[in-house]
Structure formats: structure tokens, C-alpha cells
Protein backbone atom coordinates (compact mmCIF):
# COMPACT_ATOMS: atom_id res chain seq x y z
CA GLN A 1 110.24 105.39 125.10
CA VAL A 2 108.97 103.54 122.06
CA GLN A 3 109.88 104.63 118.57
CA LEU A 4 108.40 103.45 115.29
CA ALA A 5 110.39 103.68 112.09
CA GLU A 6 108.39 103.42 108.87
CA SER A 7 109.77 102.86 105.40
CA GLY A 8 108.75 101.77 101.93
CA GLY A 9 106.38 104.49 100.81
CA GLY A 10 106.63 106.49 97.62
CA LEU A 11 105.12 107.05 94.21
CA VAL A 12 103.74 104.13 92.26
CA GLN A 13 101.56 103.75 89.20
CA ALA A 14 98.06 102.38 89.47
CA GLY A 15 98.17 98.61 89.41
CA GLY A 16 101.60 98.53 91.01
CA SER A 17 102.76 97.30 94.39
CA LEU A 18 104.43 98.64 97.50
CA ARG A 19 105.67 97.11 100.72
CA LEU A 20 105.60 99.19 103.87
CA SER A 21 107.69 98.29 106.88
CA CYS A 22 107.56 99.48 110.46
CA ALA A 23 110.03 98.57 113.17
CA ALA A 24 109.34 99.31 116.82
CA SER A 25 112.24 99.93 119.15
CA GLY A 26 112.64 100.93 122.74
CA SER A 27 112.22 99.37 126.13
CA GLY A 28 109.48 98.58 128.55
CA PHE A 29 106.91 97.35 126.09
CA ARG A 30 105.66 94.10 124.68
CA VAL A 31 103.77 94.27 121.43
CA ASP A 32 100.30 92.80 121.30
CA ILE A 33 98.88 94.28 118.10
CA MET A 34 100.56 95.92 115.13
CA GLY A 35 98.73 97.62 112.34
CA TRP A 36 98.48 100.24 109.67
CA TYR A 37 96.15 103.19 109.32
CA ARG A 38 95.93 105.77 106.57
CA GLN A 39 94.71 109.29 106.12
CA ALA A 40 93.84 110.66 102.72
CA PRO A 41 93.66 114.40 102.08
CA GLY A 42 90.52 115.86 103.61
CA LYS A 43 89.54 112.60 105.28
CA SER A 44 89.80 111.09 108.73
CA ARG A 45 92.42 108.53 109.63
CA GLU A 46 91.12 105.03 108.97
CA LEU A 47 92.21 101.51 109.73
CA VAL A 48 93.80 99.50 106.93
CA ALA A 49 94.86 96.27 108.60
CA ARG A 50 95.82 94.86 111.99
CA SER A 51 97.85 91.84 112.99
CA PHE A 52 97.42 90.34 116.44
CA ARG A 53 100.12 88.48 118.34
CA GLY A 54 97.80 85.51 118.62
CA GLY A 55 97.75 85.22 114.83
CA GLN A 56 94.47 86.88 113.92
CA ILE A 57 94.46 89.35 111.08
CA LEU A 58 91.94 92.02 110.22
CA TYR A 59 91.59 93.87 106.92
CA VAL A 60 89.12 96.57 106.04
CA GLU A 61 86.97 95.95 103.01
CA PRO A 62 88.63 98.40 100.56
CA VAL A 63 91.98 96.58 100.77
CA LYS A 64 90.82 92.98 101.17
CA GLY A 65 92.31 90.69 98.58
CA ARG A 66 94.91 93.31 97.61
CA SER A 67 96.92 93.58 100.80
CA ALA A 68 98.80 91.34 103.16
CA ILE A 69 99.94 92.27 106.64
CA SER A 70 102.56 90.27 108.47
CA MET A 71 104.40 90.55 111.75
CA ASN A 72 107.86 89.49 112.84
CA ASN A 73 107.32 89.18 116.56
CA ALA A 74 110.99 88.69 117.33
CA LYS A 75 111.89 91.94 115.60
CA ASN A 76 108.76 93.91 116.57
CA THR A 77 108.31 94.64 112.91
CA VAL A 78 105.17 94.77 110.81
CA TYR A 79 104.89 94.76 107.05
CA LEU A 80 102.09 95.75 104.72
CA GLN A 81 102.27 94.43 101.17
CA MET A 82 99.87 96.31 98.91
CA ASN A 83 99.13 95.13 95.39
CA SER A 84 96.89 96.34 92.57
CA LEU A 85 97.14 99.82 93.98
CA LYS A 86 94.47 102.34 93.08
CA ALA A 87 94.42 106.12 93.10
CA GLU A 88 92.16 105.98 96.14
CA ASP A 89 94.92 104.26 98.09
CA THR A 90 96.83 107.53 98.03
CA ALA A 91 97.29 108.62 101.64
CA VAL A 92 99.72 109.02 104.47
CA TYR A 93 100.11 105.60 106.06
CA TYR A 94 100.70 105.34 109.80
CA CYS A 95 102.11 102.42 111.71
CA ASN A 96 100.38 101.71 115.00
CA ILE A 97 101.23 99.35 117.81
CA GLU A 98 99.36 98.46 120.94
CA ASP A 99 101.26 96.84 123.76
CA VAL A 100 99.96 94.25 126.18
CA ASN A 101 99.00 97.04 128.60
CA GLY A 102 96.83 98.77 126.02
CA ARG A 103 99.20 101.64 125.34
CA GLN A 104 99.24 102.79 121.73
CA TYR A 105 102.12 104.21 119.77
CA TRP A 106 102.14 105.86 116.36
CA GLY A 107 104.69 106.33 113.64
CA GLN A 108 105.18 109.70 111.99
CA GLY A 109 103.52 108.57 108.79
CA ILE A 110 104.76 107.77 105.33
CA GLN A 111 103.36 109.03 102.05
CA VAL A 112 101.99 106.63 99.46
CA THR A 113 100.97 108.22 96.17
CA VAL A 114 99.33 106.20 93.42
CA SER A 115 99.26 107.86 90.02
CA SER A 116 96.49 106.97 87.61
């Protein structure tokens, strides 16, 4: 059983910053990819950023230059630093991990609200 614990969300003013954290715990898995998705009201869940064990990083265009994802492989933890936040960044953010066998696990989601 793999559990993901997310933290760091909340309310922030436009232009501000937040750092999300997600720690994976459990047994029988080895993390290959860790990432963040988000779902805004009335919209589908979308990718924000992914960090691969091999070192590659992927950002989607709306957050490029404003966000930084990092992984602590030893702690199975992923962080998402978001700067220059905009109202359109308001969403529930979900941590996602994929293990080396292709199994995916999701966090329960954490609210990020950016006030303009």
C-alpha cells in the first residue's frame, strides 16, 4: 500500500509564492517518476510538472519559468515551488507517482487559491 501525503497549499495573493510537498510512503514500490497535476473548477485534471528519476524534468507551458519541481529520491518526496502566482493557478493540486512497474498513485489533492 502506497500513501501520498501532500502539504503546503493555501491562500496566497497574486504574485506570491507557494511550495507544495508530497511524501510517498509504503512498501513494495520504487519511484520512477513524481509529478504534480491540477484541476481547476469546471476543468479537467492537467499536468503541471514531472520529475524523472533519471534527472529529466518536464513543465507545461503555463507554469514554465514560474515553477520548479524537485525530487528527493532518498525520501520519496517531491516538491513544487510556484512563484509569481496568478489567479488562473487556482486549483486542487494532486501529487502523482509512477513506480518502476508503471503503477500510478495519487494524493488526495490540496487546494491552492490565488486571490487577485
